C-alpha atoms as a PDB file:
ATOM      1  CA  MET A   1       0.000   0.000   0.000  1.00  0.00           C
ATOM      2  CA  ILE A   2       1.311   3.435  -0.959  1.00  0.00           C
ATOM      3  CA  THR A   3       1.548   6.089   1.737  1.00  0.00           C
ATOM      4  CA  ARG A   4       2.017   9.819   1.267  1.00  0.00           C
ATOM      5  CA  SER A   5       4.368  11.617   3.630  1.00  0.00           C
ATOM      6  CA  SER A   6       6.013  15.009   3.819  1.00  0.00           C
ATOM      7  CA  ILE A   7       9.531  15.984   4.738  1.00  0.00           C
ATOM      8  CA  HIS A   8      11.046  19.348   5.594  1.00  0.00           C
ATOM      9  CA  LEU A   9      13.991  20.174   3.318  1.00  0.00           C
ATOM     10  CA  PRO A  10      15.986  23.438   3.137  1.00  0.00           C
ATOM     11  CA  ALA A  11      13.684  24.755   0.375  1.00  0.00           C
ATOM     12  CA  GLY A  12      10.448  23.919   2.237  1.00  0.00           C
ATOM     13  CA  GLU A  13       7.965  21.087   2.708  1.00  0.00           C
ATOM     14  CA  PHE A  14       8.147  18.326   0.142  1.00  0.00           C
ATOM     15  CA  SER A  15       5.670  15.506  -0.377  1.00  0.00           C
ATOM     16  CA  TYR A  16       6.541  11.989  -1.430  1.00  0.00           C
ATOM     17  CA  LEU A  17       5.018   8.563  -1.920  1.00  0.00           C
ATOM     18  CA  GLU A  18       6.450   5.387  -0.432  1.00  0.00           C
ATOM     19  CA  CYS A  19       5.743   1.654  -0.476  1.00  0.00           C
ATOM     20  CA  GLY A  20       7.493  -1.679  -0.236  1.00  0.00           C
ATOM     21  CA  ASP A  21      10.545  -3.144   1.421  1.00  0.00           C
ATOM     22  CA  GLY A  22      14.029  -3.882   0.221  1.00  0.00           C
ATOM     23  CA  ASP A  23      16.715  -1.826  -1.434  1.00  0.00           C
ATOM     24  CA  PRO A  24      15.623   1.742  -2.190  1.00  0.00           C
ATOM     25  CA  LEU A  25      14.406   2.722  -5.650  1.00  0.00           C
ATOM     26  CA  VAL A  26      13.621   6.411  -6.190  1.00  0.00           C
ATOM     27  CA  PHE A  27      11.436   7.925  -8.936  1.00  0.00           C
ATOM     28  CA  LEU A  28      11.439  11.486 -10.341  1.00  0.00           C
ATOM     29  CA  HIS A  29       8.550  12.750 -12.471  1.00  0.00           C
ATOM     30  CA  ALA A  30       8.299  14.978 -15.543  1.00  0.00           C
ATOM     31  CA  LEU A  31       7.475  18.699 -15.752  1.00  0.00           C
ATOM     32  CA  GLY A  32       3.886  19.442 -14.787  1.00  0.00           C
ATOM     33  CA  ARG A  33       3.375  15.972 -13.311  1.00  0.00           C
ATOM     34  CA  ASP A  34       3.846  14.583  -9.792  1.00  0.00           C
ATOM     35  CA  ALA A  35       4.880  11.502  -7.836  1.00  0.00           C
ATOM     36  CA  SER A  36       1.515   9.823  -8.439  1.00  0.00           C
ATOM     37  CA  ASP A  37       2.605   9.191 -12.050  1.00  0.00           C
ATOM     38  CA  TRP A  38       4.725   6.381 -10.636  1.00  0.00           C
ATOM     39  CA  ALA A  39       2.088   4.850  -8.308  1.00  0.00           C
ATOM     40  CA  GLU A  40       1.156   1.869 -10.477  1.00  0.00           C
ATOM     41  CA  ILE A  41       4.794   1.026 -11.159  1.00  0.00           C
ATOM     42  CA  MET A  42       5.690   1.456  -7.479  1.00  0.00           C
ATOM     43  CA  GLU A  43       2.954  -0.962  -6.429  1.00  0.00           C
ATOM     44  CA  ALA A  44       4.163  -3.509  -8.978  1.00  0.00           C
ATOM     45  CA  MET A  45       7.726  -3.278  -7.671  1.00  0.00           C
ATOM     46  CA  ALA A  46       6.951  -3.035  -3.937  1.00  0.00           C
ATOM     47  CA  ASP A  47       7.484  -6.739  -3.277  1.00  0.00           C
ATOM     48  CA  ARG A  48      11.198  -6.327  -4.088  1.00  0.00           C
ATOM     49  CA  TRP A  49      12.014  -2.642  -3.579  1.00  0.00           C
ATOM     50  CA  ARG A  50      11.436   0.209  -1.149  1.00  0.00           C
ATOM     51  CA  CYS A  51       9.905   2.597  -3.685  1.00  0.00           C
ATOM     52  CA  LEU A  52       9.964   6.358  -3.123  1.00  0.00           C
ATOM     53  CA  ALA A  53       8.625   9.037  -5.489  1.00  0.00           C
ATOM     54  CA  LEU A  54       9.234  12.720  -4.756  1.00  0.00           C
ATOM     55  CA  ASP A  55       6.904  15.568  -5.708  1.00  0.00           C
ATOM     56  CA  GLN A  56       9.567  17.950  -6.982  1.00  0.00           C
ATOM     57  CA  ARG A  57       9.407  21.646  -6.079  1.00  0.00           C
ATOM     58  CA  GLY A  58       6.288  23.354  -7.376  1.00  0.00           C
ATOM     59  CA  HIS A  59       4.637  20.044  -8.254  1.00  0.00           C
ATOM     60  CA  GLY A  60       2.006  17.939  -6.544  1.00  0.00           C
ATOM     61  CA  GLU A  61       1.793  18.621  -2.832  1.00  0.00           C
ATOM     62  CA  SER A  62       5.320  20.028  -2.470  1.00  0.00           C
ATOM     63  CA  ASP A  63       5.890  23.714  -1.738  1.00  0.00           C
ATOM     64  CA  HIS A  64       5.852  26.213  -4.580  1.00  0.00           C
ATOM     65  CA  VAL A  65       9.031  28.225  -4.174  1.00  0.00           C
ATOM     66  CA  GLY A  66      10.620  31.149  -6.000  1.00  0.00           C
ATOM     67  CA  ARG A  67      13.346  29.561  -8.151  1.00  0.00           C
ATOM     68  CA  TYR A  68      13.012  26.743 -10.652  1.00  0.00           C
ATOM     69  CA  THR A  69      16.257  25.552 -12.191  1.00  0.00           C
ATOM     70  CA  PHE A  70      17.583  22.058 -12.728  1.00  0.00           C
ATOM     71  CA  GLU A  71      20.398  22.877 -10.328  1.00  0.00           C
ATOM     72  CA  VAL A  72      18.114  23.830  -7.411  1.00  0.00           C
ATOM     73  CA  MET A  73      15.907  20.841  -8.154  1.00  0.00           C
ATOM     74  CA  GLU A  74      19.002  18.625  -7.940  1.00  0.00           C
ATOM     75  CA  GLN A  75      19.782  20.239  -4.568  1.00  0.00           C
ATOM     76  CA  ASP A  76      16.239  19.403  -3.425  1.00  0.00           C
ATOM     77  CA  PHE A  77      16.666  15.818  -4.583  1.00  0.00           C
ATOM     78  CA  ARG A  78      20.045  15.502  -2.853  1.00  0.00           C
ATOM     79  CA  ALA A  79      18.539  16.907   0.364  1.00  0.00           C
ATOM     80  CA  PHE A  80      15.675  14.392   0.054  1.00  0.00           C
ATOM     81  CA  VAL A  81      17.877  11.296  -0.319  1.00  0.00           C
ATOM     82  CA  ASP A  82      20.239  12.593   2.385  1.00  0.00           C
ATOM     83  CA  ALA A  83      17.367  13.213   4.821  1.00  0.00           C
ATOM     84  CA  LEU A  84      16.115   9.661   4.248  1.00  0.00           C
ATOM     85  CA  GLU A  85      19.699   8.381   4.657  1.00  0.00           C
ATOM     86  CA  LEU A  86      19.712   6.682   1.263  1.00  0.00           C
ATOM     87  CA  ASP A  87      23.404   6.008   0.725  1.00  0.00           C
ATOM     88  CA  ARG A  88      22.981   3.882  -2.406  1.00  0.00           C
ATOM     89  CA  PHE A  89      19.836   3.480  -4.471  1.00  0.00           C
ATOM     90  CA  GLY A  90      18.359   2.945  -7.892  1.00  0.00           C
ATOM     91  CA  LEU A  91      16.970   6.010  -9.671  1.00  0.00           C
ATOM     92  CA  ILE A  92      14.328   6.043 -12.407  1.00  0.00           C
ATOM     93  CA  ALA A  93      13.445   9.419 -13.872  1.00  0.00           C
ATOM     94  CA  HIS A  94      11.260  10.859 -16.619  1.00  0.00           C
ATOM     95  CA  SER A  95      11.918  13.982 -18.708  1.00  0.00           C
ATOM     96  CA  MET A  96      12.590  16.897 -16.305  1.00  0.00           C
ATOM     97  CA  GLY A  97      13.328  14.370 -13.567  1.00  0.00           C
ATOM     98  CA  GLY A  98      15.862  12.777 -15.902  1.00  0.00           C
ATOM     99  CA  THR A  99      17.757  16.023 -16.227  1.00  0.00           C
ATOM    100  CA  VAL A 100      17.780  16.352 -12.432  1.00  0.00           C
ATOM    101  CA  SER A 101      19.089  12.785 -12.246  1.00  0.00           C
ATOM    102  CA  TRP A 102      21.929  13.547 -14.710  1.00  0.00           C
ATOM    103  CA  LEU A 103      23.059  16.404 -12.470  1.00  0.00           C
ATOM    104  CA  PHE A 104      22.982  14.151  -9.409  1.00  0.00           C
ATOM    105  CA  ALA A 105      24.803  11.339 -11.233  1.00  0.00           C
ATOM    106  CA  GLU A 106      27.505  13.709 -12.454  1.00  0.00           C
ATOM    107  CA  THR A 107      28.656  14.487  -8.913  1.00  0.00           C
ATOM    108  CA  SER A 108      27.590  11.339  -7.030  1.00  0.00           C
ATOM    109  CA  PRO A 109      27.747   8.292  -9.331  1.00  0.00           C
ATOM    110  CA  GLU A 110      28.896   6.106  -6.447  1.00  0.00           C
ATOM    111  CA  ARG A 111      25.492   6.539  -4.787  1.00  0.00           C
ATOM    112  CA  LEU A 112      23.587   5.045  -7.715  1.00  0.00           C
ATOM    113  CA  ARG A 113      23.035   1.298  -8.058  1.00  0.00           C
ATOM    114  CA  ALA A 114      21.325   1.995 -11.375  1.00  0.00           C
ATOM    115  CA  LEU A 115      20.135   4.998 -13.343  1.00  0.00           C
ATOM    116  CA  VAL A 116      17.263   4.776 -15.834  1.00  0.00           C
ATOM    117  CA  VAL A 117      16.112   7.880 -17.680  1.00  0.00           C
ATOM    118  CA  GLU A 118      13.072   8.060 -19.922  1.00  0.00           C
ATOM    119  CA  ASP A 119      12.370  10.714 -22.544  1.00  0.00           C
ATOM    120  CA  THR A 120      15.341  12.822 -21.473  1.00  0.00           C
ATOM    121  CA  PRO A 121      17.931  14.180 -23.872  1.00  0.00           C
ATOM    122  CA  LEU A 122      21.375  12.687 -23.458  1.00  0.00           C
ATOM    123  CA  PRO A 123      23.797  15.242 -22.067  1.00  0.00           C
ATOM    124  CA  THR A 124      26.278  16.472 -24.641  1.00  0.00           C
ATOM    125  CA  GLU A 125      28.686  19.347 -24.923  1.00  0.00           C
ATOM    126  CA  ARG A 126      26.187  21.051 -27.240  1.00  0.00           C
ATOM    127  CA  HIS A 127      23.597  21.238 -24.457  1.00  0.00           C
ATOM    128  CA  ILE A 128      23.529  22.710 -20.981  1.00  0.00           C
ATOM    129  CA  TYR A 129      23.318  19.216 -19.501  1.00  0.00           C
ATOM    130  CA  PRO A 130      26.258  17.631 -17.669  1.00  0.00           C
ATOM    131  CA  LYS A 131      28.432  14.934 -19.200  1.00  0.00           C
ATOM    132  CA  ILE A 132      27.321  11.324 -19.036  1.00  0.00           C
ATOM    133  CA  PRO A 133      28.541  10.158 -15.622  1.00  0.00           C
ATOM    134  CA  GLU A 134      31.392   7.691 -15.308  1.00  0.00           C
ATOM    135  CA  ALA A 135      30.649   4.431 -13.527  1.00  0.00           C
ATOM    136  CA  PRO A 136      32.464   4.316 -10.175  1.00  0.00           C
ATOM    137  CA  ALA A 137      35.558   2.095 -10.000  1.00  0.00           C
ATOM    138  CA  GLY A 138      34.462  -1.428  -9.190  1.00  0.00           C
ATOM    139  CA  GLY A 139      30.826  -0.298  -9.261  1.00  0.00           C
ATOM    140  CA  ASP A 140      27.824  -1.120 -11.347  1.00  0.00           C
ATOM    141  CA  ARG A 141      27.561   0.012 -14.928  1.00  0.00           C
ATOM    142  CA  ILE A 142      25.192   2.787 -15.868  1.00  0.00           C
ATOM    143  CA  ARG A 143      22.718   1.617 -18.500  1.00  0.00           C
ATOM    144  CA  LEU A 144      20.880   4.116 -20.610  1.00  0.00           C
ATOM    145  CA  GLY A 145      17.493   3.154 -21.978  1.00  0.00           C
ATOM    146  CA  SER A 146      13.800   3.693 -21.513  1.00  0.00           C
ATOM    147  CA  PRO A 147      11.884   1.834 -18.784  1.00  0.00           C
ATOM    148  CA  ALA A 148       8.537   2.319 -20.545  1.00  0.00           C
ATOM    149  CA  PRO A 149       8.775  -0.677 -22.919  1.00  0.00           C
ATOM    150  CA  ALA A 150       9.952  -2.946 -20.099  1.00  0.00           C
ATOM    151  CA  LEU A 151       7.092  -1.841 -17.916  1.00  0.00           C
ATOM    152  CA  SER A 152       4.533  -2.518 -20.632  1.00  0.00           C
ATOM    153  CA  GLY A 153       5.983  -5.957 -21.367  1.00  0.00           C
ATOM    154  CA  ALA A 154       7.531  -4.994 -24.719  1.00  0.00           C
ATOM    155  CA  GLU A 155      11.143  -5.792 -25.510  1.00  0.00           C
ATOM    156  CA  LEU A 156      13.691  -3.162 -24.429  1.00  0.00           C
ATOM    157  CA  PRO A 157      15.960  -1.665 -27.053  1.00  0.00           C
ATOM    158  CA  ARG A 158      19.616  -2.547 -26.575  1.00  0.00           C
ATOM    159  CA  PRO A 159      20.905  -0.146 -23.885  1.00  0.00           C
ATOM    160  CA  ILE A 160      23.970   2.021 -24.158  1.00  0.00           C
ATOM    161  CA  VAL A 161      26.377   0.974 -21.405  1.00  0.00           C
ATOM    162  CA  VAL A 162      28.662   3.571 -19.846  1.00  0.00           C
ATOM    163  CA  GLY A 163      31.632   2.580 -17.716  1.00  0.00           C
END
């Protein structure tokens, strides 16, 4: 069963959904959406994972604050996982959430067991996005691909493996 909770972070009160037990798996939603976008997927994965989905700033039931940049949203996300003492976790993110995840992965790849981004442009030098993160020494590889086909039962395209 999914529960909704709130947590006080430096930028204000943030809402999130949680269910399941096991290793943590965190979800970030797209622009104009909220954590509830992940509810069905969270319920399906709750028998194996501790699933957490954050309402990012200005979305869902989280506080609407003055600044909206990918960098401050990454700071919110970092504060969220730090407050919940998530040292290492899987991260699945869609669109805007994917860009936030790239920023997090750029500076903290060792904290990610896996990173899946959906409908997010790959970071390149031609864009404002950070470089594709390096896999930590001796750590897991970072696989790039879309979770949507896997979740619908279709075959996944061959992922790009970094590291």
